Amino acid sequence: MAKKVITFGEVMMRLSPPGYSKFAQATSFELAYGGGEANVAISLAYLGMKAAHVTRFPDNALGKAATQFLRKHWLSTEHVFYGGDMLGKYFLEKGAVHRPSEVIYEREGSSFSLIAPGMVDWEAVLKDADWFHWTGITPAISEGAAMCCLEGIKTANRMGVKVSGDINSRKNMWKFGKSMQEVMPELVQNCDVVISSSRGIREIFGLGKAGDRFRTLAEQLMYTFPRIEKVVGKTRKSISASHQQIHGKMWDGEKYVKTERLNITHVIDRVGTGDAFAAGLIYGLLHYGDIEALKFASAACALKHTLPGDANMVSLENVLSLMQGDTSGAIRR
């Protein structure tokens, strides 16, 4: 039977000027929906897994439209619930060549930010699940979101469901009175798999020092939080906004592995590429060994760069083909 994954987090409306126009040039906006954790769930659904997203929308036409977006992309929405008045939004100006992308958020006071402990029946949500995934964005939104996330993680622990957290630091998001250094350790200590960066591990947990290798910091993180089985990251070299190079890396407590570098020469949309990596890693760890899982994650991440929008709507066949070395992009008939 297909494995089942549950994700938890905010879904926002994404508004972008057409093509690569700047905000000042726009007379209209292209509309899509996205959120880190939902992006992971959608990616996994397209890979053939069962996936459900837990979130909160306003009980109005925009909330229902966002729900329909999730359903359109094969997600179960039985754990979507409604309340509050506002759907979170973000505005994206896509960069090109040497001009970087720019993002402006409007999420304060959103329906999801007003979520509170006890609103989610986590035992019902996680019944029959194989994996629960969250990101460091969710606990940064509000104290209620952080506490709800912790409820989900602890329930998953009790029920024997694997937990992954993608925890790269975004310190400018923490505005509700607590810092990421105060909140994140309790969440992370209950994770089985952690996705992060050297900088994230240093800034959130105060481990290591500038210049330490990822492997060294991953060892320290696993020593600090013994439940963690794997610490995973990706290295990105940005040649320009349109040309990126990536490879994955993993420390499992005994060995360090990394993938070959993938060269992405024509970036269509960089948003959601980290989520595509996380989804690929989850799929890989549920189906393959460590190095194959890491290769799968890197291939999925690379393919997301070729798609507009937040989610990685590529097939299992697409990812396996690139994972096995086919970079031709040849037409399939």
Protein backbone atom coordinates (compact mmCIF):
# COMPACT_ATOMS: atom_id res chain seq x y z
CA MET A 1 0.00 0.00 0.00
CA ALA A 2 1.08 3.58 -0.62
CA LYS A 3 2.76 5.32 2.32
CA LYS A 4 0.88 8.19 3.98
CA VAL A 5 2.38 11.56 4.95
CA ILE A 6 0.82 14.36 7.01
CA THR A 7 2.06 17.97 6.81
CA PHE A 8 1.13 20.98 8.94
CA GLY A 9 1.45 24.68 8.13
CA GLU A 10 0.02 27.83 6.58
CA VAL A 11 -1.07 28.04 2.95
CA MET A 12 -0.89 31.53 1.44
CA MET A 13 -2.08 33.22 -1.70
CA ARG A 14 0.88 34.01 -3.96
CA LEU A 15 0.63 37.07 -6.20
CA SER A 16 3.29 37.72 -8.86
CA PRO A 17 3.70 40.18 -11.73
CA PRO A 18 3.46 38.33 -15.07
CA GLY A 19 6.70 36.77 -16.25
CA TYR A 20 9.75 38.51 -14.83
CA SER A 21 8.26 41.99 -14.50
CA LYS A 22 9.01 44.14 -11.48
CA PHE A 23 6.27 45.24 -9.07
CA ALA A 24 6.45 48.77 -10.50
CA GLN A 25 5.68 47.42 -13.98
CA ALA A 26 2.71 45.27 -12.97
CA THR A 27 -0.86 46.05 -14.00
CA SER A 28 -2.05 42.57 -12.98
CA PHE A 29 -0.90 39.68 -10.81
CA GLU A 30 -0.74 35.95 -11.44
CA LEU A 31 -2.38 34.03 -8.58
CA ALA A 32 -1.28 30.74 -7.05
CA TYR A 33 -1.33 29.17 -3.60
CA GLY A 34 1.56 27.79 -1.63
CA GLY A 35 3.16 27.13 1.72
CA GLY A 36 6.27 25.17 2.61
CA GLU A 37 4.61 22.17 4.18
CA ALA A 38 1.74 22.01 1.68
CA ASN A 39 4.32 22.12 -1.12
CA VAL A 40 5.91 19.01 0.39
CA ALA A 41 2.57 17.22 0.55
CA ILE A 42 1.68 18.10 -3.05
CA SER A 43 5.07 16.90 -4.28
CA LEU A 44 4.59 13.58 -2.50
CA ALA A 45 1.07 13.20 -3.90
CA TYR A 46 2.44 13.58 -7.42
CA LEU A 47 5.00 10.89 -6.59
CA GLY A 48 2.12 8.52 -5.82
CA MET A 49 1.92 8.75 -2.03
CA LYS A 50 -1.12 9.42 0.14
CA ALA A 51 -0.80 12.94 1.51
CA ALA A 52 -2.93 15.17 3.71
CA HIS A 53 -2.32 18.74 4.81
CA VAL A 54 -3.49 20.21 8.11
CA THR A 55 -4.17 23.95 8.05
CA ARG A 56 -6.69 26.67 8.91
CA PHE A 57 -8.40 28.93 6.35
CA PRO A 58 -10.89 31.78 6.67
CA ASP A 59 -14.48 30.65 6.20
CA ASN A 60 -15.02 32.62 3.01
CA ALA A 61 -14.63 32.28 -0.75
CA LEU A 62 -10.83 32.69 -0.61
CA GLY A 63 -10.50 29.98 2.02
CA LYS A 64 -12.66 27.65 -0.05
CA ALA A 65 -10.63 28.45 -3.19
CA ALA A 66 -7.41 27.59 -1.36
CA THR A 67 -8.97 24.33 -0.19
CA GLN A 68 -9.96 23.51 -3.75
CA PHE A 69 -6.35 24.16 -4.83
CA LEU A 70 -5.16 21.49 -2.40
CA ARG A 71 -7.78 19.03 -3.62
CA LYS A 72 -6.85 19.74 -7.24
CA HIS A 73 -3.35 18.56 -6.45
CA TRP A 74 -4.39 15.23 -4.94
CA LEU A 75 -4.26 16.18 -1.26
CA SER A 76 -6.77 15.04 1.31
CA THR A 77 -8.38 18.10 2.90
CA GLU A 78 -10.35 16.31 5.60
CA HIS A 79 -8.17 18.00 8.23
CA VAL A 80 -8.51 21.53 6.84
CA PHE A 81 -10.66 23.64 9.18
CA TYR A 82 -12.02 27.18 9.09
CA GLY A 83 -12.04 30.32 11.22
CA GLY A 84 -10.71 33.85 11.26
CA ASP A 85 -11.11 36.41 8.52
CA MET A 86 -7.92 36.63 6.46
CA LEU A 87 -5.94 34.38 4.16
CA GLY A 88 -2.20 34.97 4.39
CA LYS A 89 -0.60 36.43 1.25
CA TYR A 90 2.80 36.99 -0.24
CA PHE A 91 3.97 38.93 -3.24
CA LEU A 92 6.78 37.54 -5.40
CA GLU A 93 8.86 39.48 -7.90
CA LYS A 94 10.81 36.84 -9.83
CA GLY A 95 14.46 37.60 -10.44
CA ALA A 96 16.42 36.83 -13.58
CA VAL A 97 20.13 36.54 -14.40
CA HIS A 98 21.84 38.98 -11.98
CA ARG A 99 18.63 40.48 -10.50
CA PRO A 100 17.46 38.62 -7.36
CA SER A 101 13.87 37.69 -6.56
CA GLU A 102 12.02 39.72 -3.94
CA VAL A 103 9.28 38.53 -1.55
CA ILE A 104 6.89 40.64 0.56
CA TYR A 105 4.70 38.87 3.14
CA GLU A 106 1.25 39.83 4.47
CA ARG A 107 0.44 37.14 7.04
CA GLU A 108 0.05 38.91 10.40
CA GLY A 109 -3.46 38.23 11.74
CA SER A 110 -4.14 35.51 9.18
CA SER A 111 -6.55 32.69 9.94
CA PHE A 112 -3.67 30.28 10.46
CA SER A 113 -1.71 32.63 12.73
CA LEU A 114 -4.68 32.58 15.14
CA ILE A 115 -4.60 28.80 15.51
CA ALA A 116 -4.52 27.59 19.14
CA PRO A 117 -3.62 24.38 20.99
CA GLY A 118 -6.45 21.88 21.14
CA MET A 119 -7.94 22.88 17.78
CA VAL A 120 -6.43 19.87 15.99
CA ASP A 121 -7.31 16.28 16.94
CA TRP A 122 -3.81 14.98 16.27
CA GLU A 123 -4.60 11.34 17.08
CA ALA A 124 -7.29 11.33 14.40
CA VAL A 125 -5.03 13.19 11.96
CA LEU A 126 -2.07 10.84 12.41
CA LYS A 127 -4.03 7.58 12.39
CA ASP A 128 -2.45 5.24 9.79
CA ALA A 129 0.22 7.86 8.93
CA ASP A 130 3.82 6.86 8.21
CA TRP A 131 5.37 10.33 8.42
CA PHE A 132 4.72 13.79 9.86
CA HIS A 133 6.51 16.85 8.44
CA TRP A 134 6.80 20.44 9.66
CA THR A 135 9.09 23.39 8.96
CA GLY A 136 10.62 26.16 11.04
CA ILE A 137 8.29 28.65 9.36
CA THR A 138 5.24 27.37 11.26
CA PRO A 139 6.38 27.95 14.87
CA ALA A 140 7.66 31.40 13.83
CA ILE A 141 4.18 32.57 12.80
CA SER A 142 2.63 32.71 16.27
CA GLU A 143 2.85 31.13 19.70
CA GLY A 144 -0.37 29.24 18.99
CA ALA A 145 1.09 27.78 15.80
CA ALA A 146 4.24 26.77 17.67
CA MET A 147 2.26 25.04 20.42
CA CYS A 148 0.01 23.28 17.89
CA CYS A 149 3.07 22.06 16.02
CA LEU A 150 4.56 20.70 19.25
CA GLU A 151 1.27 18.88 19.96
CA GLY A 152 1.49 17.23 16.54
CA ILE A 153 5.12 16.21 16.98
CA LYS A 154 4.58 14.70 20.44
CA THR A 155 1.49 12.84 19.28
CA ALA A 156 3.46 11.43 16.33
CA ASN A 157 6.17 10.28 18.77
CA ARG A 158 3.59 8.45 20.90
CA MET A 159 2.02 6.83 17.84
CA GLY A 160 5.32 5.70 16.32
CA VAL A 161 5.07 8.05 13.32
CA LYS A 162 8.40 9.32 11.93
CA VAL A 163 8.87 13.10 12.24
CA SER A 164 10.93 15.39 10.02
CA GLY A 165 11.58 19.09 10.51
CA ASP A 166 13.01 21.49 7.94
CA ILE A 167 14.44 24.09 10.29
CA ASN A 168 16.54 26.66 8.44
CA SER A 169 16.44 29.90 10.43
CA ARG A 170 14.39 32.92 9.39
CA LYS A 171 14.97 35.19 12.35
CA ASN A 172 13.01 38.14 10.89
CA MET A 173 9.79 36.12 11.11
CA TRP A 174 9.84 35.72 14.90
CA LYS A 175 7.69 38.64 16.05
CA PHE A 176 5.34 37.24 18.75
CA GLY A 177 7.65 37.72 21.73
CA LYS A 178 9.67 34.51 21.74
CA SER A 179 12.85 33.81 19.81
CA MET A 180 13.65 30.77 17.71
CA GLN A 181 16.35 29.90 20.27
CA GLU A 182 13.63 29.62 22.94
CA VAL A 183 11.08 27.67 20.90
CA MET A 184 12.88 25.44 18.41
CA PRO A 185 14.90 23.12 20.70
CA GLU A 186 11.80 21.48 22.21
CA LEU A 187 10.40 20.86 18.74
CA VAL A 188 13.64 19.54 17.27
CA GLN A 189 14.51 17.22 20.15
CA ASN A 190 11.47 15.14 19.20
CA CYS A 191 12.40 14.77 15.51
CA ASP A 192 13.79 11.71 13.75
CA VAL A 193 15.10 13.57 10.69
CA VAL A 194 16.27 17.18 10.60
CA ILE A 195 16.88 19.18 7.43
CA SER A 196 19.00 22.26 8.02
CA SER A 197 22.12 24.19 7.05
CA SER A 198 25.37 24.94 8.84
CA ARG A 199 24.19 28.48 9.50
CA GLY A 200 20.80 27.27 10.74
CA ILE A 201 22.38 24.89 13.25
CA ARG A 202 24.72 27.61 14.52
CA GLU A 203 22.08 30.35 14.78
CA ILE A 204 19.23 28.31 16.27
CA PHE A 205 21.14 26.10 18.70
CA GLY A 206 24.36 28.04 19.32
CA LEU A 207 26.45 25.06 18.28
CA GLY A 208 29.87 25.23 16.66
CA LYS A 209 31.42 28.29 15.14
CA ALA A 210 31.63 30.04 11.78
CA GLY A 211 33.60 27.93 9.34
CA ASP A 212 32.69 24.55 10.88
CA ARG A 213 31.83 21.89 8.34
CA PHE A 214 28.26 20.64 8.02
CA ARG A 215 29.29 17.19 9.21
CA THR A 216 30.82 18.62 12.40
CA LEU A 217 27.71 20.65 13.19
CA ALA A 218 25.42 17.71 12.38
CA GLU A 219 27.39 15.54 14.83
CA GLN A 220 26.96 18.18 17.53
CA LEU A 221 23.23 18.48 16.84
CA MET A 222 22.74 14.70 17.12
CA TYR A 223 24.77 14.63 20.34
CA THR A 224 22.58 17.41 21.76
CA PHE A 225 19.35 15.72 20.66
CA PRO A 226 19.93 11.93 20.69
CA ARG A 227 16.55 11.07 19.12
CA ILE A 228 17.69 12.49 15.76
CA GLU A 229 18.67 9.73 13.32
CA LYS A 230 19.76 11.84 10.35
CA VAL A 231 20.76 15.43 9.69
CA VAL A 232 20.40 16.41 6.04
CA GLY A 233 21.19 19.52 4.03
CA LYS A 234 21.81 20.77 0.54
CA THR A 235 24.52 23.03 -0.79
CA ARG A 236 23.47 25.65 -3.33
CA LYS A 237 25.91 27.59 -5.48
CA SER A 238 24.21 30.56 -7.10
CA ILE A 239 25.97 31.44 -10.34
CA SER A 240 23.11 33.85 -11.07
CA ALA A 241 19.35 33.98 -10.43
CA SER A 242 18.98 31.91 -13.60
CA HIS A 243 21.85 29.45 -13.03
CA GLN A 244 22.14 27.32 -9.88
CA GLN A 245 24.12 24.28 -8.77
CA ILE A 246 23.02 21.97 -5.94
CA HIS A 247 23.99 18.79 -4.15
CA GLY A 248 22.63 16.97 -1.11
CA LYS A 249 24.51 15.85 2.03
CA MET A 250 23.65 13.66 5.03
CA TRP A 251 25.13 12.61 8.37
CA ASP A 252 23.51 9.54 9.97
CA GLY A 253 25.65 9.32 13.11
CA GLU A 254 28.17 6.98 11.51
CA LYS A 255 28.85 8.08 7.97
CA TYR A 256 28.72 11.22 5.86
CA VAL A 257 27.41 10.99 2.30
CA LYS A 258 26.79 13.54 -0.43
CA THR A 259 25.56 13.53 -4.01
CA GLU A 260 27.10 14.65 -7.26
CA ARG A 261 26.46 18.31 -8.11
CA LEU A 262 23.48 18.99 -10.40
CA ASN A 263 23.80 21.95 -12.77
CA ILE A 264 20.55 23.92 -13.32
CA THR A 265 21.23 26.32 -16.15
CA HIS A 266 17.81 27.83 -16.82
CA VAL A 267 15.87 28.49 -13.61
CA ILE A 268 12.14 29.04 -14.19
CA ASP A 269 11.09 29.43 -10.53
CA ARG A 270 13.26 28.93 -7.46
CA VAL A 271 10.43 29.19 -4.90
CA GLY A 272 9.60 25.83 -3.35
CA THR A 273 12.85 24.11 -4.32
CA GLY A 274 13.74 23.41 -0.68
CA ASP A 275 10.29 21.90 -0.19
CA ALA A 276 10.86 19.71 -3.24
CA PHE A 277 14.12 18.54 -1.67
CA ALA A 278 12.33 17.72 1.60
CA ALA A 279 9.58 15.82 -0.24
CA GLY A 280 12.16 13.88 -2.24
CA LEU A 281 14.04 13.03 0.94
CA ILE A 282 10.88 11.77 2.69
CA TYR A 283 9.94 9.66 -0.33
CA GLY A 284 13.48 8.37 -0.60
CA LEU A 285 13.84 7.43 3.07
CA LEU A 286 10.51 5.57 2.95
CA HIS A 287 11.53 3.59 -0.14
CA TYR A 288 15.34 3.43 -0.48
CA GLY A 289 18.64 3.48 1.40
CA ASP A 290 20.32 6.70 2.52
CA ILE A 291 22.42 7.53 -0.55
CA GLU A 292 19.59 6.68 -2.95
CA ALA A 293 17.22 8.81 -0.85
CA LEU A 294 19.65 11.73 -1.02
CA LYS A 295 20.04 11.37 -4.79
CA PHE A 296 16.27 11.25 -5.15
CA ALA A 297 15.91 14.43 -3.04
CA SER A 298 18.52 16.30 -5.09
CA ALA A 299 16.92 15.25 -8.37
CA ALA A 300 13.47 16.32 -7.17
CA CYS A 301 14.89 19.68 -6.05
CA ALA A 302 16.58 20.24 -9.40
CA LEU A 303 13.40 19.49 -11.33
CA LYS A 304 11.38 21.98 -9.27
CA HIS A 305 13.56 24.79 -10.68
CA THR A 306 11.97 24.07 -14.07
CA LEU A 307 8.35 24.60 -12.92
CA PRO A 308 6.44 27.83 -12.21
CA GLY A 309 4.52 28.00 -8.94
CA ASP A 310 5.33 26.74 -5.47
CA ALA A 311 4.82 22.97 -5.77
CA ASN A 312 6.87 20.31 -7.54
CA MET A 313 4.33 18.64 -9.82
CA VAL A 314 6.66 16.08 -11.36
CA SER A 315 6.15 12.34 -11.61
CA LEU A 316 8.10 9.53 -10.00
CA GLU A 317 9.35 8.61 -13.48
CA ASN A 318 10.73 12.15 -14.00
CA VAL A 319 12.68 12.08 -10.74
CA LEU A 320 14.02 8.55 -11.24
CA SER A 321 15.19 9.44 -14.74
CA LEU A 322 17.22 12.42 -13.53
CA MET A 323 18.42 10.50 -10.47
CA GLN A 324 19.81 7.85 -12.83
CA GLY A 325 21.72 10.44 -14.85
CA ASP A 326 19.42 11.38 -17.75
CA THR A 327 19.86 15.15 -18.03
CA SER A 328 18.88 15.34 -21.72
CA GLY A 329 15.33 16.63 -21.28
CA ALA A 330 14.50 14.76 -24.49
CA ILE A 331 10.88 14.51 -25.64
CA ARG A 332 9.21 11.27 -24.63
CA ARG A 333 6.81 9.77 -27.16
